[in-house]
Structures are given as structure tokens and as C-alpha cells.
Amino acid sequence: MPLAAPVAAEAAPSLPSWTVTPTGVTAQLRGLAAVSGKVAWASGSKGTVLRTTDAGRTWRQVAPPDTAALDFRDIEAFDADHAVTLSIGPGESSRIYRTDDGGAHWQLAFRNPDPKAFYDCLAFFDHRRGLAMSDPVEGAFRLQATDDGGRSWHQVPAEGLPPALPGEAAFAASGQCVSTSGRRDAWLATGGGARARVLHSQDGGVHWRAAETPLPSSASAGVFAVAFRDRHHGVAIGGDYAHPDAPGPAVALTRDGGRGWQTPPEAPKGYRSGLAWRGAAVLAVGPGGSDLSVDGGRHWRSFDTGSFDSVGCTPRGDCWASGVNGRVARLTR
């Protein structure tokens, strides 16, 4: 089905394309931060944190020292110099580092002391306030919050979180299991249990409400990424990474801030792990390719078959994607 009824063939919406940039690494890059058309950060396995300031022509490995065994699944960057990155894993493998000089020096801001906790992703409301999400501990999701740009973290009281379902968890597939909009709204994406859910907070992460989505859920399936254009309009995407070609639904939409979720008329074919808004359009990526929706997620068109794990866009529409074998690309027309 076409996205719009064209008057003539030439009027059909043009599709973008990815321009792959040479990173020089083979790590799987699931963490991505798009700062501008020239500046981006990417992070991933083998202790990899990369930074470019020349639109991807060159990349520098700027990871914290002595972290080659860590897997940096998420990175949030405020500009070319200031960034926060999260490594995943049980216990002390889950860590958060911050740099203020483009990766020349790093501060270890958080080292997880609980062997039962496993942090998956993080997101910021602004340059100071952010949240980091762990899989459930003793029946409740574990959250850390920062008020100073990621330099220090404190645990959010569990009383404000709904009970986790048996087997429920987050997926550290693209650094997008936490999403924010504005100064107070945040969402958590889940799967793994009997139902795939999205949790929503309207007070900066203190209190949360859970809503079910129509996406399938199992040990390998659920919502992998959630992204909001504003506090009302959002998209949840995922599927089953163990069966990436399984029929969906792999996409759900909300117009009420996440209280209710509906399946759109069309969806990308198969599992997708990353999402990003580009104005009113939405980009989705996964191991099976990239897709574009120009109507807020209702209809989709495939435009690339290469494998990516994460995607991010700036407010000005500069978009980047990252994934397996050190792949990072810029979006071009």
C-alpha cells in the first residue's frame, strides 16, 4: 500500500539511503548518540566507544581505560565533548562513565553493587536529569536517577513502580528501552513475560503506570525500543530476536502518552530493535533492514536491507545508525 496516493509516479515520496562510514572496528555497536550532522558517538562490545567530529570520515576510539571486557550498550551525548555511556551485565559489569573532554578522560560515576541487578539502557530529560534502567530485582524494575548530568546516581524508590510480571525484563538491544520527552515524561519498554508492556512516568521517574501493548512477548520477544515525538505521540517496536522473520505485530502506536496502544495498518516485516523520530516521520532499524514511515508509524516502506541495531536523529533531522561489525552510517537522500 502506498503512503499517499500520488498524482503521478514522480510524486511518490522519495526514500532516503544510508552512507556507511569507515569506523575501523569490528565491535557490535548497539549504543548510538546523534549530536549533529558532523558529530556522533557510538558504543558497543569489546570496550568500544567511538566519536566522530567530521561527519564520519574518521572515528576515534575514546573508551575509558581498562574496559576492554565491557560491553557499552548505550551512550548519551550532549555535544562533542560531554557524554555518558553505560556498560551492561550482572553486578559490577553494569557501570556508567562520564566524559567532559571528548573521551580523553572519564569518570566512573556508577558501579552496580547488586549482583541481582542488570542495567540495560539510559536516557536524559536534559543536560542534568536522567534515568538508567535495570531488569527487575525482587519483583520490581530497578532505576537509578541523576540530577547532575550523570556524575552521580541515586536509586529511585521501588514503591513508585508497578510489580514486574514473571519473567519480565528489558532488552539491551539498542539503548532505547528508556525514552523521554520534555522535562517530566519517561517511558520504559519491556518484554520477556506474558505481556509486552510500556511503563510511563509523568513526574520525572518517581511514579509509574504500566500499559499492555499488542506486541508478542516471550523470553526473546517484546518491546525493544520506544520513542516519542512529544508527550502524547509514541511508537513501540520489537518482535522476536530469536525468530526475526516471525509475523508481527512488531509495531504499536499511542496518541495518549502510552495509556493505550494500537497496531497500525502496516508494519515493518520482522524484528526491529531501534526507533527514531525525524520530524513527523519515523525510522526503524534491525538486523533485517531499515524502514521509513512518513505518517507517524501508520504505514511503512523498506529502504535498506543492511543490518543495524540502533538509530538516532537530531532535532534538525541529522540521522545516524549503528550495528554489527562496526557499522555506522549517516542518512542521506
C-alpha atoms as a PDB file:
ATOM      1  CA  MET A   1       0.000   0.000   0.000  1.00  0.00           C
ATOM      2  CA  PRO A   2       1.477   3.409  -0.911  1.00  0.00           C
ATOM      3  CA  LEU A   3       1.937   6.006   1.810  1.00  0.00           C
ATOM      4  CA  ALA A   4      -0.079   8.526  -0.166  1.00  0.00           C
ATOM      5  CA  ALA A   5      -1.976   8.412  -3.418  1.00  0.00           C
ATOM      6  CA  PRO A   6       0.397  10.042  -5.918  1.00  0.00           C
ATOM      7  CA  VAL A   7      -0.878  12.147  -8.779  1.00  0.00           C
ATOM      8  CA  ALA A   8       1.899  10.740 -10.923  1.00  0.00           C
ATOM      9  CA  ALA A   9       4.740   8.284 -10.398  1.00  0.00           C
ATOM     10  CA  GLU A  10       7.164  11.177  -9.876  1.00  0.00           C
ATOM     11  CA  ALA A  11       5.070  12.414  -6.902  1.00  0.00           C
ATOM     12  CA  ALA A  12       5.718   9.286  -4.804  1.00  0.00           C
ATOM     13  CA  PRO A  13       7.721  10.060  -1.647  1.00  0.00           C
ATOM     14  CA  SER A  14      11.431   9.627  -2.194  1.00  0.00           C
ATOM     15  CA  LEU A  15      13.232   7.217   0.091  1.00  0.00           C
ATOM     16  CA  PRO A  16      16.436   8.043   1.966  1.00  0.00           C
ATOM     17  CA  SER A  17      19.572   5.916   1.994  1.00  0.00           C
ATOM     18  CA  TRP A  18      22.415   5.136   4.377  1.00  0.00           C
ATOM     19  CA  THR A  19      26.031   6.114   3.703  1.00  0.00           C
ATOM     20  CA  VAL A  20      28.244   3.739   5.677  1.00  0.00           C
ATOM     21  CA  THR A  21      31.295   5.352   7.271  1.00  0.00           C
ATOM     22  CA  PRO A  22      34.586   3.520   8.000  1.00  0.00           C
ATOM     23  CA  THR A  23      34.963   3.058  11.774  1.00  0.00           C
ATOM     24  CA  GLY A  24      37.920   0.662  11.661  1.00  0.00           C
ATOM     25  CA  VAL A  25      36.432  -1.654  14.311  1.00  0.00           C
ATOM     26  CA  THR A  26      34.548  -4.950  14.287  1.00  0.00           C
ATOM     27  CA  ALA A  27      32.611  -4.473  17.508  1.00  0.00           C
ATOM     28  CA  GLN A  28      28.820  -4.669  17.580  1.00  0.00           C
ATOM     29  CA  LEU A  29      27.722  -1.078  18.144  1.00  0.00           C
ATOM     30  CA  ARG A  30      24.353  -1.067  19.879  1.00  0.00           C
ATOM     31  CA  GLY A  31      24.872   2.322  21.562  1.00  0.00           C
ATOM     32  CA  LEU A  32      24.438   5.478  19.473  1.00  0.00           C
ATOM     33  CA  ALA A  33      24.171   9.210  20.102  1.00  0.00           C
ATOM     34  CA  ALA A  34      23.445  11.578  17.212  1.00  0.00           C
ATOM     35  CA  VAL A  35      24.604  15.104  18.074  1.00  0.00           C
ATOM     36  CA  SER A  36      24.661  16.792  14.647  1.00  0.00           C
ATOM     37  CA  GLY A  37      25.431  16.074  11.021  1.00  0.00           C
ATOM     38  CA  LYS A  38      29.135  16.112  11.900  1.00  0.00           C
ATOM     39  CA  VAL A  39      29.233  14.829  15.484  1.00  0.00           C
ATOM     40  CA  ALA A  40      28.140  11.387  16.658  1.00  0.00           C
ATOM     41  CA  TRP A  41      29.146   8.825  19.267  1.00  0.00           C
ATOM     42  CA  ALA A  42      28.780   5.030  19.105  1.00  0.00           C
ATOM     43  CA  SER A  43      29.492   2.324  21.672  1.00  0.00           C
ATOM     44  CA  GLY A  44      29.446  -1.437  21.935  1.00  0.00           C
ATOM     45  CA  SER A  45      31.271  -4.662  22.593  1.00  0.00           C
ATOM     46  CA  LYS A  46      34.986  -5.135  23.266  1.00  0.00           C
ATOM     47  CA  GLY A  47      35.102  -1.949  25.349  1.00  0.00           C
ATOM     48  CA  THR A  48      34.365   0.237  22.327  1.00  0.00           C
ATOM     49  CA  VAL A  49      33.407   3.903  22.464  1.00  0.00           C
ATOM     50  CA  LEU A  50      33.795   5.834  19.199  1.00  0.00           C
ATOM     51  CA  ARG A  51      33.494   9.524  18.367  1.00  0.00           C
ATOM     52  CA  THR A  52      33.459  11.455  15.097  1.00  0.00           C
ATOM     53  CA  THR A  53      33.506  15.212  14.579  1.00  0.00           C
ATOM     54  CA  ASP A  54      33.846  15.211  10.776  1.00  0.00           C
ATOM     55  CA  ALA A  55      30.612  13.523   9.621  1.00  0.00           C
ATOM     56  CA  GLY A  56      32.073  10.038   9.922  1.00  0.00           C
ATOM     57  CA  ARG A  57      35.123  10.478   7.722  1.00  0.00           C
ATOM     58  CA  THR A  58      37.241   9.499  10.732  1.00  0.00           C
ATOM     59  CA  TRP A  59      36.388   7.831  14.031  1.00  0.00           C
ATOM     60  CA  ARG A  60      38.477   7.715  17.215  1.00  0.00           C
ATOM     61  CA  GLN A  61      38.351   5.018  19.873  1.00  0.00           C
ATOM     62  CA  VAL A  62      37.906   7.050  23.088  1.00  0.00           C
ATOM     63  CA  ALA A  63      36.740   4.410  25.565  1.00  0.00           C
ATOM     64  CA  PRO A  64      37.565   4.581  29.281  1.00  0.00           C
ATOM     65  CA  PRO A  65      40.863   2.847  30.102  1.00  0.00           C
ATOM     66  CA  ASP A  66      40.910  -0.794  31.198  1.00  0.00           C
ATOM     67  CA  THR A  67      37.410  -1.540  29.915  1.00  0.00           C
ATOM     68  CA  ALA A  68      38.129  -3.933  27.040  1.00  0.00           C
ATOM     69  CA  ALA A  69      35.987  -6.629  28.685  1.00  0.00           C
ATOM     70  CA  LEU A  70      32.932  -4.391  28.961  1.00  0.00           C
ATOM     71  CA  ASP A  71      30.003  -4.100  26.564  1.00  0.00           C
ATOM     72  CA  PHE A  72      28.900  -0.465  26.252  1.00  0.00           C
ATOM     73  CA  ARG A  73      25.289  -0.936  25.098  1.00  0.00           C
ATOM     74  CA  ASP A  74      24.185   2.679  25.438  1.00  0.00           C
ATOM     75  CA  ILE A  75      25.650   6.158  25.098  1.00  0.00           C
ATOM     76  CA  GLU A  76      24.036   9.587  25.503  1.00  0.00           C
ATOM     77  CA  ALA A  77      25.963  12.642  24.283  1.00  0.00           C
ATOM     78  CA  PHE A  78      25.171  16.294  24.856  1.00  0.00           C
ATOM     79  CA  ASP A  79      27.745  17.647  22.388  1.00  0.00           C
ATOM     80  CA  ALA A  80      31.193  16.799  21.005  1.00  0.00           C
ATOM     81  CA  ASP A  81      32.788  16.850  24.466  1.00  0.00           C
ATOM     82  CA  HIS A  82      30.214  15.693  27.018  1.00  0.00           C
ATOM     83  CA  ALA A  83      28.840  12.137  27.013  1.00  0.00           C
ATOM     84  CA  VAL A  84      27.627   9.390  29.341  1.00  0.00           C
ATOM     85  CA  THR A  85      27.970   5.701  28.496  1.00  0.00           C
ATOM     86  CA  LEU A  86      26.553   2.543  30.091  1.00  0.00           C
ATOM     87  CA  SER A  87      28.059  -0.932  30.119  1.00  0.00           C
ATOM     88  CA  ILE A  88      25.729  -3.846  30.745  1.00  0.00           C
ATOM     89  CA  GLY A  89      25.939  -7.074  32.671  1.00  0.00           C
ATOM     90  CA  PRO A  90      25.234  -8.564  36.085  1.00  0.00           C
ATOM     91  CA  GLY A  91      26.679  -6.947  39.185  1.00  0.00           C
ATOM     92  CA  GLU A  92      29.722  -4.751  38.678  1.00  0.00           C
ATOM     93  CA  SER A  93      29.707  -5.214  34.897  1.00  0.00           C
ATOM     94  CA  SER A  94      26.914  -2.636  34.853  1.00  0.00           C
ATOM     95  CA  ARG A  95      28.705   0.710  35.032  1.00  0.00           C
ATOM     96  CA  ILE A  96      28.173   4.314  33.994  1.00  0.00           C
ATOM     97  CA  TYR A  97      31.033   6.575  32.880  1.00  0.00           C
ATOM     98  CA  ARG A  98      31.016  10.293  32.032  1.00  0.00           C
ATOM     99  CA  THR A  99      33.458  12.389  29.990  1.00  0.00           C
ATOM    100  CA  ASP A 100      33.711  16.185  29.723  1.00  0.00           C
ATOM    101  CA  ASP A 101      36.562  16.352  27.197  1.00  0.00           C
ATOM    102  CA  GLY A 102      35.558  14.200  24.238  1.00  0.00           C
ATOM    103  CA  GLY A 103      36.698  10.932  25.797  1.00  0.00           C
ATOM    104  CA  ALA A 104      40.220  11.970  26.755  1.00  0.00           C
ATOM    105  CA  HIS A 105      39.302  11.362  30.398  1.00  0.00           C
ATOM    106  CA  TRP A 106      36.401   9.509  32.022  1.00  0.00           C
ATOM    107  CA  GLN A 107      34.844   9.469  35.466  1.00  0.00           C
ATOM    108  CA  LEU A 108      33.392   6.192  36.775  1.00  0.00           C
ATOM    109  CA  ALA A 109      30.096   7.584  38.028  1.00  0.00           C
ATOM    110  CA  PHE A 110      28.259   4.369  38.943  1.00  0.00           C
ATOM    111  CA  ARG A 111      29.295   0.768  39.551  1.00  0.00           C
ATOM    112  CA  ASN A 112      26.385  -1.552  40.225  1.00  0.00           C
ATOM    113  CA  PRO A 113      26.796  -3.118  43.692  1.00  0.00           C
ATOM    114  CA  ASP A 114      23.875  -5.577  43.428  1.00  0.00           C
ATOM    115  CA  PRO A 115      24.634  -8.936  41.756  1.00  0.00           C
ATOM    116  CA  LYS A 116      20.905  -9.328  41.038  1.00  0.00           C
ATOM    117  CA  ALA A 117      20.684  -6.111  39.027  1.00  0.00           C
ATOM    118  CA  PHE A 118      21.450  -5.873  35.293  1.00  0.00           C
ATOM    119  CA  TYR A 119      21.273  -2.406  33.723  1.00  0.00           C
ATOM    120  CA  ASP A 120      20.083  -2.197  30.130  1.00  0.00           C
ATOM    121  CA  CYS A 121      19.857   1.424  28.964  1.00  0.00           C
ATOM    122  CA  LEU A 122      19.655   5.067  29.995  1.00  0.00           C
ATOM    123  CA  ALA A 123      18.142   8.342  28.785  1.00  0.00           C
ATOM    124  CA  PHE A 124      18.197  12.018  29.754  1.00  0.00           C
ATOM    125  CA  PHE A 125      15.452  14.622  30.073  1.00  0.00           C
ATOM    126  CA  ASP A 126      18.013  17.418  29.661  1.00  0.00           C
ATOM    127  CA  HIS A 127      21.715  18.009  30.294  1.00  0.00           C
ATOM    128  CA  ARG A 128      21.333  17.274  34.011  1.00  0.00           C
ATOM    129  CA  ARG A 129      18.485  14.868  34.695  1.00  0.00           C
ATOM    130  CA  GLY A 130      18.460  11.258  33.530  1.00  0.00           C
ATOM    131  CA  LEU A 131      17.400   7.676  34.294  1.00  0.00           C
ATOM    132  CA  ALA A 132      19.105   4.290  33.989  1.00  0.00           C
ATOM    133  CA  MET A 133      17.004   1.109  33.906  1.00  0.00           C
ATOM    134  CA  SER A 134      17.797  -2.353  35.261  1.00  0.00           C
ATOM    135  CA  ASP A 135      15.924  -5.610  34.905  1.00  0.00           C
ATOM    136  CA  PRO A 136      13.656  -6.362  37.878  1.00  0.00           C
ATOM    137  CA  VAL A 137      15.143  -7.100  41.282  1.00  0.00           C
ATOM    138  CA  GLU A 138      12.873  -8.811  43.802  1.00  0.00           C
ATOM    139  CA  GLY A 139       9.841  -8.272  41.605  1.00  0.00           C
ATOM    140  CA  ALA A 140      10.331  -4.603  40.674  1.00  0.00           C
ATOM    141  CA  PHE A 141      12.283  -2.786  37.995  1.00  0.00           C
ATOM    142  CA  ARG A 142      15.374  -1.065  39.386  1.00  0.00           C
ATOM    143  CA  LEU A 143      16.010   2.560  38.379  1.00  0.00           C
ATOM    144  CA  GLN A 144      18.892   4.929  39.013  1.00  0.00           C
ATOM    145  CA  ALA A 145      18.465   8.691  38.610  1.00  0.00           C
ATOM    146  CA  THR A 146      20.911  11.560  38.167  1.00  0.00           C
ATOM    147  CA  ASP A 147      20.462  15.287  38.734  1.00  0.00           C
ATOM    148  CA  ASP A 148      23.963  16.406  37.765  1.00  0.00           C
ATOM    149  CA  GLY A 149      24.427  15.190  34.209  1.00  0.00           C
ATOM    150  CA  GLY A 150      25.438  11.647  35.098  1.00  0.00           C
ATOM    151  CA  ARG A 151      28.238  12.494  37.512  1.00  0.00           C
ATOM    152  CA  SER A 152      26.397  10.778  40.380  1.00  0.00           C
ATOM    153  CA  TRP A 153      23.390   8.443  40.627  1.00  0.00           C
ATOM    154  CA  HIS A 154      20.841   7.501  43.268  1.00  0.00           C
ATOM    155  CA  GLN A 155      18.251   4.727  43.347  1.00  0.00           C
ATOM    156  CA  VAL A 156      14.617   5.591  42.655  1.00  0.00           C
ATOM    157  CA  PRO A 157      12.306   4.227  45.404  1.00  0.00           C
ATOM    158  CA  ALA A 158      10.729   0.978  44.240  1.00  0.00           C
ATOM    159  CA  GLU A 159       7.366   1.943  45.755  1.00  0.00           C
ATOM    160  CA  GLY A 160       6.576   4.102  42.736  1.00  0.00           C
ATOM    161  CA  LEU A 161       6.983   1.233  40.254  1.00  0.00           C
ATOM    162  CA  PRO A 162       4.316  -1.367  39.407  1.00  0.00           C
ATOM    163  CA  PRO A 163       5.194  -5.007  40.130  1.00  0.00           C
ATOM    164  CA  ALA A 164       7.089  -6.746  37.352  1.00  0.00           C
ATOM    165  CA  LEU A 165       5.457  -9.685  35.637  1.00  0.00           C
ATOM    166  CA  PRO A 166       7.103 -13.129  35.974  1.00  0.00           C
ATOM    167  CA  GLY A 167       9.987 -13.227  33.502  1.00  0.00           C
ATOM    168  CA  GLU A 168       9.583  -9.554  32.535  1.00  0.00           C
ATOM    169  CA  ALA A 169      12.735  -7.614  31.667  1.00  0.00           C
ATOM    170  CA  ALA A 170      14.158  -5.023  29.312  1.00  0.00           C
ATOM    171  CA  PHE A 171      16.179  -5.706  26.156  1.00  0.00           C
ATOM    172  CA  ALA A 172      19.619  -4.095  25.878  1.00  0.00           C
ATOM    173  CA  ALA A 173      19.469  -4.237  22.085  1.00  0.00           C
ATOM    174  CA  SER A 174      19.698  -0.595  21.044  1.00  0.00           C
ATOM    175  CA  GLY A 175      19.954   1.599  24.140  1.00  0.00           C
ATOM    176  CA  GLN A 176      16.315   2.578  23.603  1.00  0.00           C
ATOM    177  CA  CYS A 177      14.389   0.735  26.311  1.00  0.00           C
ATOM    178  CA  VAL A 178      14.134   4.107  28.114  1.00  0.00           C
ATOM    179  CA  SER A 179      12.727   7.167  26.342  1.00  0.00           C
ATOM    180  CA  THR A 180      11.958  10.710  27.495  1.00  0.00           C
ATOM    181  CA  SER A 181      10.010  13.710  26.225  1.00  0.00           C
ATOM    182  CA  GLY A 182      10.228  17.142  27.774  1.00  0.00           C
ATOM    183  CA  ARG A 183      11.255  17.580  31.397  1.00  0.00           C
ATOM    184  CA  ARG A 184       8.989  15.061  33.136  1.00  0.00           C
ATOM    185  CA  ASP A 185       7.696  12.286  30.856  1.00  0.00           C
ATOM    186  CA  ALA A 186       9.567   8.989  30.575  1.00  0.00           C
ATOM    187  CA  TRP A 187       8.739   5.513  29.273  1.00  0.00           C
ATOM    188  CA  LEU A 188      10.225   2.048  29.879  1.00  0.00           C
ATOM    189  CA  ALA A 189       9.918  -0.755  27.299  1.00  0.00           C
ATOM    190  CA  THR A 190       9.565  -4.363  28.462  1.00  0.00           C
ATOM    191  CA  GLY A 191       9.135  -7.920  27.274  1.00  0.00           C
ATOM    192  CA  GLY A 192      10.117 -11.392  28.371  1.00  0.00           C
ATOM    193  CA  GLY A 193       6.941 -12.101  30.333  1.00  0.00           C
ATOM    194  CA  ALA A 194       3.389 -12.973  29.412  1.00  0.00           C
ATOM    195  CA  ARG A 195       2.760  -9.476  28.002  1.00  0.00           C
ATOM    196  CA  ALA A 196       4.902  -6.774  26.423  1.00  0.00           C
ATOM    197  CA  ARG A 197       4.340  -3.527  28.302  1.00  0.00           C
ATOM    198  CA  VAL A 198       5.337   0.126  28.369  1.00  0.00           C
ATOM    199  CA  LEU A 199       5.640   1.915  31.716  1.00  0.00           C
ATOM    200  CA  HIS A 200       5.031   5.681  31.810  1.00  0.00           C
ATOM    201  CA  SER A 201       6.059   8.312  34.350  1.00  0.00           C
ATOM    202  CA  GLN A 202       4.734  11.882  34.321  1.00  0.00           C
ATOM    203  CA  ASP A 203       6.839  13.142  37.229  1.00  0.00           C
ATOM    204  CA  GLY A 204      10.408  12.575  36.126  1.00  0.00           C
ATOM    205  CA  GLY A 205      10.620   8.905  37.062  1.00  0.00           C
ATOM    206  CA  VAL A 206       9.199   8.773  40.588  1.00  0.00           C
ATOM    207  CA  HIS A 207       5.819   7.167  39.882  1.00  0.00           C
ATOM    208  CA  TRP A 208       4.930   4.831  37.002  1.00  0.00           C
ATOM    209  CA  ARG A 209       1.884   3.235  35.352  1.00  0.00           C
ATOM    210  CA  ALA A 210       2.058   0.151  33.120  1.00  0.00           C
ATOM    211  CA  ALA A 211       0.109  -0.375  29.890  1.00  0.00           C
ATOM    212  CA  GLU A 212      -0.061  -3.517  27.790  1.00  0.00           C
ATOM    213  CA  THR A 213       0.863  -3.423  24.103  1.00  0.00           C
ATOM    214  CA  PRO A 214      -0.255  -5.779  21.296  1.00  0.00           C
ATOM    215  CA  LEU A 215       3.343  -6.839  20.584  1.00  0.00           C
ATOM    216  CA  PRO A 216       4.143 -10.529  21.232  1.00  0.00           C
ATOM    217  CA  SER A 217       6.099 -11.315  24.380  1.00  0.00           C
ATOM    218  CA  SER A 218       8.297 -14.251  25.356  1.00  0.00           C
ATOM    219  CA  ALA A 219      11.819 -14.832  26.636  1.00  0.00           C
ATOM    220  CA  SER A 220      13.102 -13.429  23.323  1.00  0.00           C
ATOM    221  CA  ALA A 221      10.248 -11.112  22.365  1.00  0.00           C
ATOM    222  CA  GLY A 222       8.641  -7.868  23.461  1.00  0.00           C
ATOM    223  CA  VAL A 223       9.095  -4.132  23.070  1.00  0.00           C
ATOM    224  CA  PHE A 224      12.755  -3.431  22.276  1.00  0.00           C
ATOM    225  CA  ALA A 225      12.537   0.322  21.716  1.00  0.00           C
ATOM    226  CA  VAL A 226      10.084   3.113  22.428  1.00  0.00           C
ATOM    227  CA  ALA A 227      10.269   6.665  21.068  1.00  0.00           C
ATOM    228  CA  PHE A 228       8.006   9.690  21.484  1.00  0.00           C
ATOM    229  CA  ARG A 229       7.601  12.678  19.199  1.00  0.00           C
ATOM    230  CA  ASP A 230       6.041  14.618  22.091  1.00  0.00           C
ATOM    231  CA  ARG A 231       4.417  13.607  25.354  1.00  0.00           C
ATOM    232  CA  HIS A 232       1.389  12.159  23.524  1.00  0.00           C
ATOM    233  CA  HIS A 233       2.529  10.513  20.264  1.00  0.00           C
ATOM    234  CA  GLY A 234       4.770   7.476  20.524  1.00  0.00           C
ATOM    235  CA  VAL A 235       5.858   4.296  18.751  1.00  0.00           C
ATOM    236  CA  ALA A 236       6.876   0.979  20.289  1.00  0.00           C
ATOM    237  CA  ILE A 237       8.751  -1.567  18.194  1.00  0.00           C
ATOM    238  CA  GLY A 238      10.250  -5.013  18.658  1.00  0.00           C
ATOM    239  CA  GLY A 239       9.344  -8.568  17.775  1.00  0.00           C
ATOM    240  CA  ASP A 240      11.246 -11.788  18.485  1.00  0.00           C
ATOM    241  CA  TYR A 241      15.028 -11.660  18.071  1.00  0.00           C
ATOM    242  CA  ALA A 242      15.235 -15.468  18.157  1.00  0.00           C
ATOM    243  CA  HIS A 243      12.774 -15.615  15.228  1.00  0.00           C
ATOM    244  CA  PRO A 244      13.443 -12.352  13.383  1.00  0.00           C
ATOM    245  CA  ASP A 245      11.204 -13.217  10.420  1.00  0.00           C
ATOM    246  CA  ALA A 246       8.199 -14.182  12.534  1.00  0.00           C
ATOM    247  CA  PRO A 247       4.980 -12.329  11.680  1.00  0.00           C
ATOM    248  CA  GLY A 248       4.139  -9.415  13.944  1.00  0.00           C
ATOM    249  CA  PRO A 249       2.685  -7.305  15.114  1.00  0.00           C
ATOM    250  CA  ALA A 250       6.059  -5.680  15.706  1.00  0.00           C
ATOM    251  CA  VAL A 251       4.826  -2.075  15.986  1.00  0.00           C
ATOM    252  CA  ALA A 252       2.305  -0.328  18.232  1.00  0.00           C
ATOM    253  CA  LEU A 253       1.231   3.324  18.311  1.00  0.00           C
ATOM    254  CA  THR A 254      -0.138   5.582  21.029  1.00  0.00           C
ATOM    255  CA  ARG A 255      -1.741   9.025  20.893  1.00  0.00           C
ATOM    256  CA  ASP A 256      -2.392   9.386  24.618  1.00  0.00           C
ATOM    257  CA  GLY A 257       1.083   9.211  26.132  1.00  0.00           C
ATOM    258  CA  GLY A 258       1.143   5.433  26.386  1.00  0.00           C
ATOM    259  CA  ARG A 259      -2.133   4.701  28.174  1.00  0.00           C
ATOM    260  CA  GLY A 260      -3.381   2.797  25.146  1.00  0.00           C
ATOM    261  CA  TRP A 261      -1.534   1.112  22.265  1.00  0.00           C
ATOM    262  CA  GLN A 262      -2.869   0.032  18.854  1.00  0.00           C
ATOM    263  CA  THR A 263      -1.479  -1.923  15.927  1.00  0.00           C
ATOM    264  CA  PRO A 264      -1.071   0.234  12.772  1.00  0.00           C
ATOM    265  CA  PRO A 265      -2.420  -0.753   9.342  1.00  0.00           C
ATOM    266  CA  GLU A 266       1.108  -1.664   8.184  1.00  0.00           C
ATOM    267  CA  ALA A 267       4.367  -2.540   9.923  1.00  0.00           C
ATOM    268  CA  PRO A 268       7.954  -3.431   9.029  1.00  0.00           C
ATOM    269  CA  LYS A 269       8.365  -7.100   8.180  1.00  0.00           C
ATOM    270  CA  GLY A 270      10.129  -8.853  11.047  1.00  0.00           C
ATOM    271  CA  TYR A 271      12.026  -7.931  14.173  1.00  0.00           C
ATOM    272  CA  ARG A 272      13.241  -4.350  14.625  1.00  0.00           C
ATOM    273  CA  SER A 273      15.332  -3.083  17.549  1.00  0.00           C
ATOM    274  CA  GLY A 274      15.762   0.693  17.023  1.00  0.00           C
ATOM    275  CA  LEU A 275      13.500   3.707  16.504  1.00  0.00           C
ATOM    276  CA  ALA A 276      13.902   7.444  15.899  1.00  0.00           C
ATOM    277  CA  TRP A 277      11.595  10.309  15.027  1.00  0.00           C
ATOM    278  CA  ARG A 278      12.682  12.629  12.227  1.00  0.00           C
ATOM    279  CA  GLY A 279      10.108  15.386  12.400  1.00  0.00           C
ATOM    280  CA  ALA A 280       6.769  13.697  11.724  1.00  0.00           C
ATOM    281  CA  ALA A 281       8.485  10.692  10.122  1.00  0.00           C
ATOM    282  CA  VAL A 282       9.774   7.592  11.922  1.00  0.00           C
ATOM    283  CA  LEU A 283      12.811   5.449  11.144  1.00  0.00           C
ATOM    284  CA  ALA A 284      13.081   1.823  12.273  1.00  0.00           C
ATOM    285  CA  VAL A 285      16.142  -0.441  12.054  1.00  0.00           C
ATOM    286  CA  GLY A 286      17.038  -4.023  12.833  1.00  0.00           C
ATOM    287  CA  PRO A 287      19.117  -6.941  11.589  1.00  0.00           C
ATOM    288  CA  GLY A 288      16.706  -7.344   8.663  1.00  0.00           C
ATOM    289  CA  GLY A 289      16.860  -3.796   7.356  1.00  0.00           C
ATOM    290  CA  SER A 290      15.611  -0.227   7.687  1.00  0.00           C
ATOM    291  CA  ASP A 291      12.131   1.192   7.246  1.00  0.00           C
ATOM    292  CA  LEU A 292      10.529   4.626   6.975  1.00  0.00           C
ATOM    293  CA  SER A 293       7.085   5.858   7.925  1.00  0.00           C
ATOM    294  CA  VAL A 294       6.103   9.360   6.835  1.00  0.00           C
ATOM    295  CA  ASP A 295       2.751   9.316   8.654  1.00  0.00           C
ATOM    296  CA  GLY A 296       3.771   8.745  12.262  1.00  0.00           C
ATOM    297  CA  GLY A 297       4.040   4.967  12.113  1.00  0.00           C
ATOM    298  CA  ARG A 298       0.800   4.018  10.360  1.00  0.00           C
ATOM    299  CA  HIS A 299       2.377   2.872   7.071  1.00  0.00           C
ATOM    300  CA  TRP A 300       5.966   1.783   6.359  1.00  0.00           C
ATOM    301  CA  ARG A 301       8.314   1.363   3.413  1.00  0.00           C
ATOM    302  CA  SER A 302      11.580  -0.580   3.446  1.00  0.00           C
ATOM    303  CA  PHE A 303      14.562   1.385   2.104  1.00  0.00           C
ATOM    304  CA  ASP A 304      17.655  -0.638   3.096  1.00  0.00           C
ATOM    305  CA  THR A 305      18.415  -4.315   3.745  1.00  0.00           C
ATOM    306  CA  GLY A 306      21.640  -3.876   5.742  1.00  0.00           C
ATOM    307  CA  SER A 307      21.843  -4.801   9.426  1.00  0.00           C
ATOM    308  CA  PHE A 308      21.654  -2.070  12.079  1.00  0.00           C
ATOM    309  CA  ASP A 309      20.791  -2.220  15.774  1.00  0.00           C
ATOM    310  CA  SER A 310      20.187   1.409  16.725  1.00  0.00           C
ATOM    311  CA  VAL A 311      19.187   4.679  15.078  1.00  0.00           C
ATOM    312  CA  GLY A 312      19.125   8.283  16.285  1.00  0.00           C
ATOM    313  CA  CYS A 313      18.177  11.659  14.835  1.00  0.00           C
ATOM    314  CA  THR A 314      18.814  15.223  15.945  1.00  0.00           C
ATOM    315  CA  PRO A 315      16.064  17.876  16.149  1.00  0.00           C
ATOM    316  CA  ARG A 316      17.380  19.214  12.832  1.00  0.00           C
ATOM    317  CA  GLY A 317      16.929  15.839  11.118  1.00  0.00           C
ATOM    318  CA  ASP A 318      20.523  14.568  11.075  1.00  0.00           C
ATOM    319  CA  CYS A 319      20.247  10.780  11.450  1.00  0.00           C
ATOM    320  CA  TRP A 320      22.785   8.048  12.203  1.00  0.00           C
ATOM    321  CA  ALA A 321      22.559   4.255  12.564  1.00  0.00           C
ATOM    322  CA  SER A 322      24.918   1.693  14.109  1.00  0.00           C
ATOM    323  CA  GLY A 323      25.185  -2.057  14.331  1.00  0.00           C
ATOM    324  CA  VAL A 324      27.127  -5.239  13.723  1.00  0.00           C
ATOM    325  CA  ASN A 325      30.788  -5.388  12.603  1.00  0.00           C
ATOM    326  CA  GLY A 326      31.434  -1.740  13.450  1.00  0.00           C
ATOM    327  CA  ARG A 327      28.786  -0.453  11.019  1.00  0.00           C
ATOM    328  CA  VAL A 328      27.863   3.218  11.412  1.00  0.00           C
ATOM    329  CA  ALA A 329      26.055   5.182   8.727  1.00  0.00           C
ATOM    330  CA  ARG A 330      24.636   8.652   8.053  1.00  0.00           C
ATOM    331  CA  LEU A 331      21.255   9.155   6.446  1.00  0.00           C
ATOM    332  CA  THR A 332      21.326  10.806   3.036  1.00  0.00           C
ATOM    333  CA  ARG A 333      18.858  11.349   0.233  1.00  0.00           C
END
